[in-house]
Amino acid sequence: MEVDDHDDPYFFEDHLPSMIERLGCDGFMGELCNGFCLLMDVSKGLITFESLKRNTLILGLHDLGDDDIVCMLAEGDMDGDGALNQMEFCILMFRLSPGLMDGSKRWMEEMRINDT
């Protein structure tokens, strides 16, 4: 009997590599920045516990507990301020995507070639 990964509650389908293929590097980075802006606290310019908790419904994560939100922030918080700035968010998105990690060297080369 074949198991459908989509029935697994922990299944994660990585769409980021296909987004890069479709949008190109500049378009993809623009979309990541749009995602950051959607989730951030406008007055602070950061993704905070409060802003992420407020947006859990948009993300389809309405069952997410406060501890889970704290852990999500801690995963990407590189400067220890308890929130994510835009760079931390983008780095976290790359780190969480197995497909992006596999293809990141190729995309960096493409970006370097396009910049020259």
PDB file of N, CA and C in Angstrom:
ATOM      1  N   MET A   1       0.842  -1.181   0.000  1.00  0.00           N
ATOM      2  CA  MET A   1       0.000   0.000   0.000  1.00  0.00           C
ATOM      3  C   MET A   1       0.885   1.242   0.000  1.00  0.00           C
ATOM      4  N   GLU A   2       0.646   2.135  -0.926  1.00  0.00           N
ATOM      5  CA  GLU A   2       1.459   3.337  -1.057  1.00  0.00           C
ATOM      6  C   GLU A   2       0.931   4.425  -0.109  1.00  0.00           C
ATOM      7  N   VAL A   3       1.858   5.080   0.581  1.00  0.00           N
ATOM      8  CA  VAL A   3       1.490   6.139   1.513  1.00  0.00           C
ATOM      9  C   VAL A   3       1.566   7.479   0.800  1.00  0.00           C
ATOM     10  N   ASP A   4       0.518   8.283   0.941  1.00  0.00           N
ATOM     11  CA  ASP A   4       0.503   9.628   0.360  1.00  0.00           C
ATOM     12  C   ASP A   4       1.116  10.587   1.368  1.00  0.00           C
ATOM     13  N   ASP A   5       2.221  11.237   0.990  1.00  0.00           N
ATOM     14  CA  ASP A   5       2.895  12.177   1.888  1.00  0.00           C
ATOM     15  C   ASP A   5       1.975  13.295   2.353  1.00  0.00           C
ATOM     16  N   HIS A   6       0.987  13.648   1.538  1.00  0.00           N
ATOM     17  CA  HIS A   6       0.089  14.744   1.884  1.00  0.00           C
ATOM     18  C   HIS A   6      -0.819  14.397   3.067  1.00  0.00           C
ATOM     19  N   ASP A   7      -0.955  13.106   3.386  1.00  0.00           N
ATOM     20  CA  ASP A   7      -1.744  12.692   4.548  1.00  0.00           C
ATOM     21  C   ASP A   7      -0.938  12.793   5.836  1.00  0.00           C
ATOM     22  N   ASP A   8       0.360  12.934   5.721  1.00  0.00           N
ATOM     23  CA  ASP A   8       1.236  13.077   6.882  1.00  0.00           C
ATOM     24  C   ASP A   8       1.108  14.498   7.418  1.00  0.00           C
ATOM     25  N   PRO A   9       0.717  14.675   8.685  1.00  0.00           N
ATOM     26  CA  PRO A   9       0.542  16.033   9.220  1.00  0.00           C
ATOM     27  C   PRO A   9       1.843  16.828   9.271  1.00  0.00           C
ATOM     28  N   TYR A  10       2.988  16.163   9.162  1.00  0.00           N
ATOM     29  CA  TYR A  10       4.284  16.835   9.202  1.00  0.00           C
ATOM     30  C   TYR A  10       4.918  16.968   7.825  1.00  0.00           C
ATOM     31  N   PHE A  11       4.159  16.633   6.778  1.00  0.00           N
ATOM     32  CA  PHE A  11       4.657  16.713   5.416  1.00  0.00           C
ATOM     33  C   PHE A  11       4.914  18.175   5.041  1.00  0.00           C
ATOM     34  N   PHE A  12       6.061  18.409   4.427  1.00  0.00           N
ATOM     35  CA  PHE A  12       6.425  19.754   3.983  1.00  0.00           C
ATOM     36  C   PHE A  12       6.776  19.679   2.511  1.00  0.00           C
ATOM     37  N   GLU A  13       6.002  20.359   1.690  1.00  0.00           N
ATOM     38  CA  GLU A  13       6.297  20.419   0.268  1.00  0.00           C
ATOM     39  C   GLU A  13       7.060  21.705  -0.009  1.00  0.00           C
ATOM     40  N   ASP A  14       8.259  21.583  -0.470  1.00  0.00           N
ATOM     41  CA  ASP A  14       9.168  22.704  -0.680  1.00  0.00           C
ATOM     42  C   ASP A  14       8.900  23.340  -2.050  1.00  0.00           C
ATOM     43  N   HIS A  15       8.234  24.490  -2.050  1.00  0.00           N
ATOM     44  CA  HIS A  15       7.910  25.187  -3.295  1.00  0.00           C
ATOM     45  C   HIS A  15       8.938  26.258  -3.660  1.00  0.00           C
ATOM     46  N   LEU A  16       9.868  26.549  -2.787  1.00  0.00           N
ATOM     47  CA  LEU A  16      10.797  27.648  -3.046  1.00  0.00           C
ATOM     48  C   LEU A  16      11.663  27.434  -4.290  1.00  0.00           C
ATOM     49  N   PRO A  17      12.203  26.231  -4.524  1.00  0.00           N
ATOM     50  CA  PRO A  17      13.012  26.065  -5.749  1.00  0.00           C
ATOM     51  C   PRO A  17      12.213  26.324  -7.027  1.00  0.00           C
ATOM     52  N   SER A  18      10.963  25.880  -7.066  1.00  0.00           N
ATOM     53  CA  SER A  18      10.160  26.113  -8.272  1.00  0.00           C
ATOM     54  C   SER A  18       9.824  27.594  -8.415  1.00  0.00           C
ATOM     55  N   MET A  19       9.714  28.311  -7.292  1.00  0.00           N
ATOM     56  CA  MET A  19       9.482  29.756  -7.363  1.00  0.00           C
ATOM     57  C   MET A  19      10.677  30.463  -7.992  1.00  0.00           C
ATOM     58  N   ILE A  20      11.881  30.039  -7.635  1.00  0.00           N
ATOM     59  CA  ILE A  20      13.079  30.651  -8.226  1.00  0.00           C
ATOM     60  C   ILE A  20      13.130  30.370  -9.725  1.00  0.00           C
ATOM     61  N   GLU A  21      12.806  29.144 -10.092  1.00  0.00           N
ATOM     62  CA  GLU A  21      12.820  28.791 -11.518  1.00  0.00           C
ATOM     63  C   GLU A  21      11.823  29.657 -12.282  1.00  0.00           C
ATOM     64  N   ARG A  22      10.667  29.894 -11.705  1.00  0.00           N
ATOM     65  CA  ARG A  22       9.610  30.641 -12.375  1.00  0.00           C
ATOM     66  C   ARG A  22       9.848  32.156 -12.339  1.00  0.00           C
ATOM     67  N   LEU A  23      10.274  32.664 -11.190  1.00  0.00           N
ATOM     68  CA  LEU A  23      10.392  34.114 -10.999  1.00  0.00           C
ATOM     69  C   LEU A  23      11.775  34.670 -11.296  1.00  0.00           C
ATOM     70  N   GLY A  24      12.789  33.815 -11.310  1.00  0.00           N
ATOM     71  CA  GLY A  24      14.161  34.279 -11.404  1.00  0.00           C
ATOM     72  C   GLY A  24      14.622  34.740 -10.025  1.00  0.00           C
ATOM     73  N   CYS A  25      15.903  34.972  -9.896  1.00  0.00           N
ATOM     74  CA  CYS A  25      16.473  35.318  -8.586  1.00  0.00           C
ATOM     75  C   CYS A  25      15.938  36.638  -8.048  1.00  0.00           C
ATOM     76  N   ASP A  26      15.890  37.660  -8.892  1.00  0.00           N
ATOM     77  CA  ASP A  26      15.406  38.971  -8.431  1.00  0.00           C
ATOM     78  C   ASP A  26      13.936  38.911  -8.031  1.00  0.00           C
ATOM     79  N   GLY A  27      13.124  38.256  -8.847  1.00  0.00           N
ATOM     80  CA  GLY A  27      11.698  38.138  -8.540  1.00  0.00           C
ATOM     81  C   GLY A  27      11.462  37.345  -7.272  1.00  0.00           C
ATOM     82  N   PHE A  28      12.251  36.280  -7.080  1.00  0.00           N
ATOM     83  CA  PHE A  28      12.115  35.470  -5.881  1.00  0.00           C
ATOM     84  C   PHE A  28      12.482  36.265  -4.633  1.00  0.00           C
ATOM     85  N   MET A  29      13.583  36.996  -4.696  1.00  0.00           N
ATOM     86  CA  MET A  29      13.977  37.804  -3.537  1.00  0.00           C
ATOM     87  C   MET A  29      12.922  38.871  -3.241  1.00  0.00           C
ATOM     88  N   GLY A  30      12.306  39.416  -4.283  1.00  0.00           N
ATOM     89  CA  GLY A  30      11.218  40.366  -4.087  1.00  0.00           C
ATOM     90  C   GLY A  30      10.045  39.724  -3.364  1.00  0.00           C
ATOM     91  N   GLU A  31       9.727  38.484  -3.720  1.00  0.00           N
ATOM     92  CA  GLU A  31       8.632  37.780  -3.056  1.00  0.00           C
ATOM     93  C   GLU A  31       8.973  37.460  -1.603  1.00  0.00           C
ATOM     94  N   LEU A  32      10.231  37.090  -1.340  1.00  0.00           N
ATOM     95  CA  LEU A  32      10.640  36.868   0.056  1.00  0.00           C
ATOM     96  C   LEU A  32      10.473  38.147   0.865  1.00  0.00           C
ATOM     97  N   CYS A  33      10.869  39.267   0.284  1.00  0.00           N
ATOM     98  CA  CYS A  33      10.722  40.554   0.971  1.00  0.00           C
ATOM     99  C   CYS A  33       9.254  40.892   1.192  1.00  0.00           C
ATOM    100  N   ASN A  34       8.393  40.566   0.219  1.00  0.00           N
ATOM    101  CA  ASN A  34       6.958  40.771   0.391  1.00  0.00           C
ATOM    102  C   ASN A  34       6.424  39.923   1.537  1.00  0.00           C
ATOM    103  N   GLY A  35       6.902  38.677   1.637  1.00  0.00           N
ATOM    104  CA  GLY A  35       6.497  37.807   2.739  1.00  0.00           C
ATOM    105  C   GLY A  35       6.921  38.377   4.083  1.00  0.00           C
ATOM    106  N   PHE A  36       8.121  38.908   4.134  1.00  0.00           N
ATOM    107  CA  PHE A  36       8.594  39.537   5.363  1.00  0.00           C
ATOM    108  C   PHE A  36       7.679  40.700   5.741  1.00  0.00           C
ATOM    109  N   CYS A  37       7.355  41.541   4.763  1.00  0.00           N
ATOM    110  CA  CYS A  37       6.499  42.713   5.027  1.00  0.00           C
ATOM    111  C   CYS A  37       5.113  42.296   5.499  1.00  0.00           C
ATOM    112  N   LEU A  38       4.608  41.203   4.975  1.00  0.00           N
ATOM    113  CA  LEU A  38       3.306  40.699   5.390  1.00  0.00           C
ATOM    114  C   LEU A  38       3.307  40.305   6.868  1.00  0.00           C
ATOM    115  N   LEU A  39       4.408  39.731   7.325  1.00  0.00           N
ATOM    116  CA  LEU A  39       4.488  39.197   8.685  1.00  0.00           C
ATOM    117  C   LEU A  39       5.023  40.174   9.721  1.00  0.00           C
ATOM    118  N   MET A  40       5.641  41.248   9.291  1.00  0.00           N
ATOM    119  CA  MET A  40       6.329  42.131  10.241  1.00  0.00           C
ATOM    120  C   MET A  40       5.373  43.062  10.988  1.00  0.00           C
ATOM    121  N   ASP A  41       5.847  43.525  12.113  1.00  0.00           N
ATOM    122  CA  ASP A  41       5.204  44.594  12.870  1.00  0.00           C
ATOM    123  C   ASP A  41       5.640  45.890  12.197  1.00  0.00           C
ATOM    124  N   VAL A  42       4.702  46.591  11.595  1.00  0.00           N
ATOM    125  CA  VAL A  42       5.019  47.772  10.794  1.00  0.00           C
ATOM    126  C   VAL A  42       5.731  48.843  11.624  1.00  0.00           C
ATOM    127  N   SER A  43       5.351  48.990  12.879  1.00  0.00           N
ATOM    128  CA  SER A  43       5.956  50.043  13.698  1.00  0.00           C
ATOM    129  C   SER A  43       7.400  49.723  14.078  1.00  0.00           C
ATOM    130  N   LYS A  44       7.763  48.426  14.098  1.00  0.00           N
ATOM    131  CA  LYS A  44       9.122  48.029  14.478  1.00  0.00           C
ATOM    132  C   LYS A  44       9.980  47.611  13.294  1.00  0.00           C
ATOM    133  N   GLY A  45       9.352  47.278  12.171  1.00  0.00           N
ATOM    134  CA  GLY A  45      10.108  46.825  11.005  1.00  0.00           C
ATOM    135  C   GLY A  45      10.718  45.453  11.208  1.00  0.00           C
ATOM    136  N   LEU A  46      10.140  44.663  12.114  1.00  0.00           N
ATOM    137  CA  LEU A  46      10.640  43.326  12.454  1.00  0.00           C
ATOM    138  C   LEU A  46       9.478  42.350  12.548  1.00  0.00           C
ATOM    139  N   ILE A  47       9.757  41.084  12.355  1.00  0.00           N
ATOM    140  CA  ILE A  47       8.775  40.054  12.678  1.00  0.00           C
ATOM    141  C   ILE A  47       8.941  39.765  14.160  1.00  0.00           C
ATOM    142  N   THR A  48       7.928  40.090  14.919  1.00  0.00           N
ATOM    143  CA  THR A  48       7.954  39.910  16.370  1.00  0.00           C
ATOM    144  C   THR A  48       7.041  38.760  16.756  1.00  0.00           C
ATOM    145  N   PHE A  49       7.107  38.362  18.004  1.00  0.00           N
ATOM    146  CA  PHE A  49       6.196  37.344  18.515  1.00  0.00           C
ATOM    147  C   PHE A  49       4.752  37.761  18.241  1.00  0.00           C
ATOM    148  N   GLU A  50       4.422  38.991  18.569  1.00  0.00           N
ATOM    149  CA  GLU A  50       3.050  39.485  18.419  1.00  0.00           C
ATOM    150  C   GLU A  50       2.614  39.503  16.957  1.00  0.00           C
ATOM    151  N   SER A  51       3.491  39.965  16.063  1.00  0.00           N
ATOM    152  CA  SER A  51       3.100  40.035  14.650  1.00  0.00           C
ATOM    153  C   SER A  51       2.962  38.639  14.051  1.00  0.00           C
ATOM    154  N   LEU A  52       3.820  37.723  14.449  1.00  0.00           N
ATOM    155  CA  LEU A  52       3.724  36.360  13.939  1.00  0.00           C
ATOM    156  C   LEU A  52       2.480  35.668  14.483  1.00  0.00           C
ATOM    157  N   LYS A  53       2.196  35.869  15.749  1.00  0.00           N
ATOM    158  CA  LYS A  53       0.990  35.282  16.343  1.00  0.00           C
ATOM    159  C   LYS A  53      -0.256  35.820  15.644  1.00  0.00           C
ATOM    160  N   ARG A  54      -0.273  37.109  15.345  1.00  0.00           N
ATOM    161  CA  ARG A  54      -1.404  37.741  14.665  1.00  0.00           C
ATOM    162  C   ARG A  54      -1.600  37.151  13.270  1.00  0.00           C
ATOM    163  N   ASN A  55      -0.532  36.749  12.631  1.00  0.00           N
ATOM    164  CA  ASN A  55      -0.600  36.264  11.249  1.00  0.00           C
ATOM    165  C   ASN A  55      -0.701  34.750  11.118  1.00  0.00           C
ATOM    166  N   THR A  56      -0.812  34.035  12.211  1.00  0.00           N
ATOM    167  CA  THR A  56      -0.866  32.574  12.118  1.00  0.00           C
ATOM    168  C   THR A  56      -2.076  32.092  11.323  1.00  0.00           C
ATOM    169  N   LEU A  57      -3.193  32.811  11.369  1.00  0.00           N
ATOM    170  CA  LEU A  57      -4.365  32.410  10.583  1.00  0.00           C
ATOM    171  C   LEU A  57      -4.084  32.513   9.089  1.00  0.00           C
ATOM    172  N   ILE A  58      -3.405  33.587   8.677  1.00  0.00           N
ATOM    173  CA  ILE A  58      -3.043  33.758   7.265  1.00  0.00           C
ATOM    174  C   ILE A  58      -2.158  32.606   6.812  1.00  0.00           C
ATOM    175  N   LEU A  59      -1.283  32.160   7.694  1.00  0.00           N
ATOM    176  CA  LEU A  59      -0.346  31.090   7.368  1.00  0.00           C
ATOM    177  C   LEU A  59      -0.963  29.699   7.469  1.00  0.00           C
ATOM    178  N   GLY A  60      -2.200  29.625   7.942  1.00  0.00           N
ATOM    179  CA  GLY A  60      -2.840  28.326   8.134  1.00  0.00           C
ATOM    180  C   GLY A  60      -2.306  27.602   9.353  1.00  0.00           C
ATOM    181  N   LEU A  61      -1.788  28.359  10.301  1.00  0.00           N
ATOM    182  CA  LEU A  61      -1.169  27.781  11.495  1.00  0.00           C
ATOM    183  C   LEU A  61      -1.947  28.146  12.752  1.00  0.00           C
ATOM    184  N   HIS A  62      -3.268  28.133  12.667  1.00  0.00           N
ATOM    185  CA  HIS A  62      -4.097  28.561  13.787  1.00  0.00           C
ATOM    186  C   HIS A  62      -3.942  27.692  15.035  1.00  0.00           C
ATOM    187  N   ASP A  63      -3.427  26.490  14.895  1.00  0.00           N
ATOM    188  CA  ASP A  63      -3.210  25.607  16.051  1.00  0.00           C
ATOM    189  C   ASP A  63      -1.842  25.797  16.690  1.00  0.00           C
ATOM    190  N   LEU A  64      -1.053  26.696  16.166  1.00  0.00           N
ATOM    191  CA  LEU A  64       0.301  26.921  16.668  1.00  0.00           C
ATOM    192  C   LEU A  64       0.254  27.552  18.056  1.00  0.00           C
ATOM    193  N   GLY A  65       0.964  26.953  18.984  1.00  0.00           N
ATOM    194  CA  GLY A  65       1.006  27.486  20.341  1.00  0.00           C
ATOM    195  C   GLY A  65       2.076  28.551  20.496  1.00  0.00           C
ATOM    196  N   ASP A  66       2.011  29.272  21.605  1.00  0.00           N
ATOM    197  CA  ASP A  66       2.988  30.331  21.870  1.00  0.00           C
ATOM    198  C   ASP A  66       4.413  29.796  21.899  1.00  0.00           C
ATOM    199  N   ASP A  67       4.608  28.614  22.491  1.00  0.00           N
ATOM    200  CA  ASP A  67       5.954  28.023  22.529  1.00  0.00           C
ATOM    201  C   ASP A  67       6.481  27.747  21.127  1.00  0.00           C
ATOM    202  N   ASP A  68       5.590  27.305  20.238  1.00  0.00           N
ATOM    203  CA  ASP A  68       6.000  27.038  18.856  1.00  0.00           C
ATOM    204  C   ASP A  68       6.433  28.325  18.152  1.00  0.00           C
ATOM    205  N   ILE A  69       5.699  29.406  18.401  1.00  0.00           N
ATOM    206  CA  ILE A  69       6.039  30.694  17.786  1.00  0.00           C
ATOM    207  C   ILE A  69       7.394  31.181  18.293  1.00  0.00           C
ATOM    208  N   VAL A  70       7.627  31.037  19.601  1.00  0.00           N
ATOM    209  CA  VAL A  70       8.918  31.429  20.176  1.00  0.00           C
ATOM    210  C   VAL A  70      10.037  30.612  19.531  1.00  0.00           C
ATOM    211  N   CYS A  71       9.814  29.323  19.342  1.00  0.00           N
ATOM    212  CA  CYS A  71      10.833  28.464  18.717  1.00  0.00           C
ATOM    213  C   CYS A  71      11.091  28.862  17.268  1.00  0.00           C
ATOM    214  N   MET A  72      10.028  29.215  16.542  1.00  0.00           N
ATOM    215  CA  MET A  72      10.194  29.657  15.148  1.00  0.00           C
ATOM    216  C   MET A  72      11.066  30.904  15.082  1.00  0.00           C
ATOM    217  N   LEU A  73      10.792  31.847  15.961  1.00  0.00           N
ATOM    218  CA  LEU A  73      11.594  33.071  15.982  1.00  0.00           C
ATOM    219  C   LEU A  73      13.036  32.776  16.378  1.00  0.00           C
ATOM    220  N   ALA A  74      13.205  31.933  17.385  1.00  0.00           N
ATOM    221  CA  ALA A  74      14.552  31.615  17.868  1.00  0.00           C
ATOM    222  C   ALA A  74      15.378  30.927  16.782  1.00  0.00           C
ATOM    223  N   GLU A  75      14.728  30.150  15.921  1.00  0.00           N
ATOM    224  CA  GLU A  75      15.425  29.433  14.847  1.00  0.00           C
ATOM    225  C   GLU A  75      16.151  30.386  13.906  1.00  0.00           C
ATOM    226  N   GLY A  76      15.570  31.565  13.673  1.00  0.00           N
ATOM    227  CA  GLY A  76      16.186  32.490  12.736  1.00  0.00           C
ATOM    228  C   GLY A  76      16.825  33.713  13.365  1.00  0.00           C
ATOM    229  N   ASP A  77      16.646  33.893  14.664  1.00  0.00           N
ATOM    230  CA  ASP A  77      17.127  35.092  15.357  1.00  0.00           C
ATOM    231  C   ASP A  77      18.632  35.010  15.583  1.00  0.00           C
ATOM    232  N   MET A  78      19.380  35.678  14.712  1.00  0.00           N
ATOM    233  CA  MET A  78      20.836  35.592  14.787  1.00  0.00           C
ATOM    234  C   MET A  78      21.450  36.643  15.704  1.00  0.00           C
ATOM    235  N   ASP A  79      20.746  37.747  15.944  1.00  0.00           N
ATOM    236  CA  ASP A  79      21.316  38.791  16.795  1.00  0.00           C
ATOM    237  C   ASP A  79      20.780  38.768  18.224  1.00  0.00           C
ATOM    238  N   GLY A  80      19.895  37.812  18.523  1.00  0.00           N
ATOM    239  CA  GLY A  80      19.434  37.611  19.895  1.00  0.00           C
ATOM    240  C   GLY A  80      18.432  38.625  20.412  1.00  0.00           C
ATOM    241  N   ASP A  81      17.777  39.374  19.498  1.00  0.00           N
ATOM    242  CA  ASP A  81      16.818  40.376  19.963  1.00  0.00           C
ATOM    243  C   ASP A  81      15.391  39.841  20.095  1.00  0.00           C
ATOM    244  N   GLY A  82      15.180  38.550  19.788  1.00  0.00           N
ATOM    245  CA  GLY A  82      13.861  37.941  19.938  1.00  0.00           C
ATOM    246  C   GLY A  82      12.924  38.192  18.771  1.00  0.00           C
ATOM    247  N   ALA A  83      13.429  38.815  17.717  1.00  0.00           N
ATOM    248  CA  ALA A  83      12.629  39.115  16.537  1.00  0.00           C
ATOM    249  C   ALA A  83      13.467  38.841  15.289  1.00  0.00           C
ATOM    250  N   LEU A  84      12.823  38.872  14.124  1.00  0.00           N
ATOM    251  CA  LEU A  84      13.541  38.648  12.869  1.00  0.00           C
ATOM    252  C   LEU A  84      13.552  39.918  12.032  1.00  0.00           C
ATOM    253  N   ASN A  85      14.752  40.353  11.634  1.00  0.00           N
ATOM    254  CA  ASN A  85      14.822  41.421  10.649  1.00  0.00           C
ATOM    255  C   ASN A  85      14.738  40.774   9.265  1.00  0.00           C
ATOM    256  N   GLN A  86      14.729  41.589   8.234  1.00  0.00           N
ATOM    257  CA  GLN A  86      14.536  41.062   6.888  1.00  0.00           C
ATOM    258  C   GLN A  86      15.634  40.080   6.482  1.00  0.00           C
ATOM    259  N   MET A  87      16.866  40.375   6.811  1.00  0.00           N
ATOM    260  CA  MET A  87      17.968  39.482   6.445  1.00  0.00           C
ATOM    261  C   MET A  87      17.843  38.140   7.177  1.00  0.00           C
ATOM    262  N   GLU A  88      17.539  38.176   8.460  1.00  0.00           N
ATOM    263  CA  GLU A  88      17.372  36.933   9.227  1.00  0.00           C
ATOM    264  C   GLU A  88      16.232  36.095   8.647  1.00  0.00           C
ATOM    265  N   PHE A  89      15.148  36.753   8.256  1.00  0.00           N
ATOM    266  CA  PHE A  89      14.010  36.045   7.669  1.00  0.00           C
ATOM    267  C   PHE A  89      14.420  35.359   6.369  1.00  0.00           C
ATOM    268  N   CYS A  90      15.110  36.080   5.493  1.00  0.00           N
ATOM    269  CA  CYS A  90      15.518  35.508   4.210  1.00  0.00           C
ATOM    270  C   CYS A  90      16.483  34.341   4.407  1.00  0.00           C
ATOM    271  N   ILE A  91      17.430  34.500   5.305  1.00  0.00           N
ATOM    272  CA  ILE A  91      18.373  33.411   5.594  1.00  0.00           C
ATOM    273  C   ILE A  91      17.632  32.196   6.131  1.00  0.00           C
ATOM    274  N   LEU A  92      16.677  32.417   7.017  1.00  0.00           N
ATOM    275  CA  LEU A  92      15.890  31.317   7.579  1.00  0.00           C
ATOM    276  C   LEU A  92      15.123  30.591   6.484  1.00  0.00           C
ATOM    277  N   MET A  93      14.522  31.327   5.567  1.00  0.00           N
ATOM    278  CA  MET A  93      13.769  30.694   4.484  1.00  0.00           C
ATOM    279  C   MET A  93      14.683  29.817   3.627  1.00  0.00           C
ATOM    280  N   PHE A  94      15.888  30.288   3.364  1.00  0.00           N
ATOM    281  CA  PHE A  94      16.845  29.477   2.606  1.00  0.00           C
ATOM    282  C   PHE A  94      17.244  28.233   3.394  1.00  0.00           C
ATOM    283  N   ARG A  95      17.510  28.404   4.687  1.00  0.00           N
ATOM    284  CA  ARG A  95      17.932  27.270   5.520  1.00  0.00           C
ATOM    285  C   ARG A  95      16.850  26.211   5.640  1.00  0.00           C
ATOM    286  N   LEU A  96      15.587  26.616   5.632  1.00  0.00           N
ATOM    287  CA  LEU A  96      14.485  25.671   5.816  1.00  0.00           C
ATOM    288  C   LEU A  96      14.079  24.965   4.536  1.00  0.00           C
ATOM    289  N   SER A  97      14.645  25.358   3.421  1.00  0.00           N
ATOM    290  CA  SER A  97      14.296  24.755   2.137  1.00  0.00           C
ATOM    291  C   SER A  97      15.394  23.806   1.686  1.00  0.00           C
ATOM    292  N   PRO A  98      15.146  22.496   1.776  1.00  0.00           N
ATOM    293  CA  PRO A  98      16.176  21.545   1.317  1.00  0.00           C
ATOM    294  C   PRO A  98      16.534  21.756  -0.153  1.00  0.00           C
ATOM    295  N   GLY A  99      15.540  22.063  -0.981  1.00  0.00           N
ATOM    296  CA  GLY A  99      15.791  22.279  -2.401  1.00  0.00           C
ATOM    297  C   GLY A  99      16.633  23.506  -2.661  1.00  0.00           C
ATOM    298  N   LEU A 100      16.425  24.559  -1.884  1.00  0.00           N
ATOM    299  CA  LEU A 100      17.236  25.761  -2.059  1.00  0.00           C
ATOM    300  C   LEU A 100      18.662  25.522  -1.614  1.00  0.00           C
ATOM    301  N   MET A 101      18.830  24.794  -0.549  1.00  0.00           N
ATOM    302  CA  MET A 101      20.189  24.507  -0.081  1.00  0.00           C
ATOM    303  C   MET A 101      20.934  23.698  -1.132  1.00  0.00           C
ATOM    304  N   ASP A 102      20.245  22.749  -1.785  1.00  0.00           N
ATOM    305  CA  ASP A 102      20.886  21.933  -2.816  1.00  0.00           C
ATOM    306  C   ASP A 102      21.253  22.766  -4.041  1.00  0.00           C
ATOM    307  N   GLY A 103      20.385  23.710  -4.401  1.00  0.00           N
ATOM    308  CA  GLY A 103      20.614  24.483  -5.615  1.00  0.00           C
ATOM    309  C   GLY A 103      21.218  25.853  -5.387  1.00  0.00           C
ATOM    310  N   SER A 104      21.545  26.185  -4.143  1.00  0.00           N
ATOM    311  CA  SER A 104      21.972  27.550  -3.836  1.00  0.00           C
ATOM    312  C   SER A 104      23.269  27.942  -4.541  1.00  0.00           C
ATOM    313  N   LYS A 105      24.184  27.027  -4.680  1.00  0.00           N
ATOM    314  CA  LYS A 105      25.443  27.362  -5.345  1.00  0.00           C
ATOM    315  C   LYS A 105      25.199  27.729  -6.800  1.00  0.00           C
ATOM    316  N   ARG A 106      24.338  26.972  -7.467  1.00  0.00           N
ATOM    317  CA  ARG A 106      24.026  27.252  -8.865  1.00  0.00           C
ATOM    318  C   ARG A 106      23.362  28.615  -9.011  1.00  0.00           C
ATOM    319  N   TRP A 107      22.403  28.936  -8.117  1.00  0.00           N
ATOM    320  CA  TRP A 107      21.698  30.214  -8.200  1.00  0.00           C
ATOM    321  C   TRP A 107      22.627  31.385  -7.879  1.00  0.00           C
ATOM    322  N   MET A 108      23.543  31.179  -6.947  1.00  0.00           N
ATOM    323  CA  MET A 108      24.489  32.243  -6.641  1.00  0.00           C
ATOM    324  C   MET A 108      25.371  32.527  -7.846  1.00  0.00           C
ATOM    325  N   GLU A 109      25.772  31.473  -8.552  1.00  0.00           N
ATOM    326  CA  GLU A 109      26.557  31.650  -9.774  1.00  0.00           C
ATOM    327  C   GLU A 109      25.755  32.419 -10.815  1.00  0.00           C
ATOM    328  N   GLU A 110      24.470  32.074 -10.965  1.00  0.00           N
ATOM    329  CA  GLU A 110      23.611  32.783 -11.930  1.00  0.00           C
ATOM    330  C   GLU A 110      23.500  34.250 -11.566  1.00  0.00           C
ATOM    331  N   MET A 111      23.333  34.543 -10.293  1.00  0.00           N
ATOM    332  CA  MET A 111      23.212  35.924  -9.857  1.00  0.00           C
ATOM    333  C   MET A 111      24.507  36.693 -10.146  1.00  0.00           C
ATOM    334  N   ARG A 112      25.648  36.039  -9.886  1.00  0.00           N
ATOM    335  CA  ARG A 112      26.944  36.672 -10.122  1.00  0.00           C
ATOM    336  C   ARG A 112      27.119  36.985 -11.612  1.00  0.00           C
ATOM    337  N   ILE A 113      26.718  36.052 -12.465  1.00  0.00           N
ATOM    338  CA  ILE A 113      26.842  36.239 -13.913  1.00  0.00           C
ATOM    339  C   ILE A 113      25.927  37.379 -14.365  1.00  0.00           C
ATOM    340  N   ASN A 114      24.700  37.432 -13.830  1.00  0.00           N
ATOM    341  CA  ASN A 114      23.747  38.478 -14.234  1.00  0.00           C
ATOM    342  C   ASN A 114      24.160  39.865 -13.750  1.00  0.00           C
ATOM    343  N   ASP A 115      24.919  39.942 -12.682  1.00  0.00           N
ATOM    344  CA  ASP A 115      25.363  41.223 -12.137  1.00  0.00           C
ATOM    345  C   ASP A 115      26.531  41.810 -12.920  1.00  0.00           C
ATOM    346  N   THR A 116      27.210  40.984 -13.721  1.00  0.00           N
ATOM    347  CA  THR A 116      28.381  41.489 -14.464  1.00  0.00           C
ATOM    348  C   THR A 116      27.997  42.009 -15.813  1.00  0.00           C
TER     349      THR A 116
END
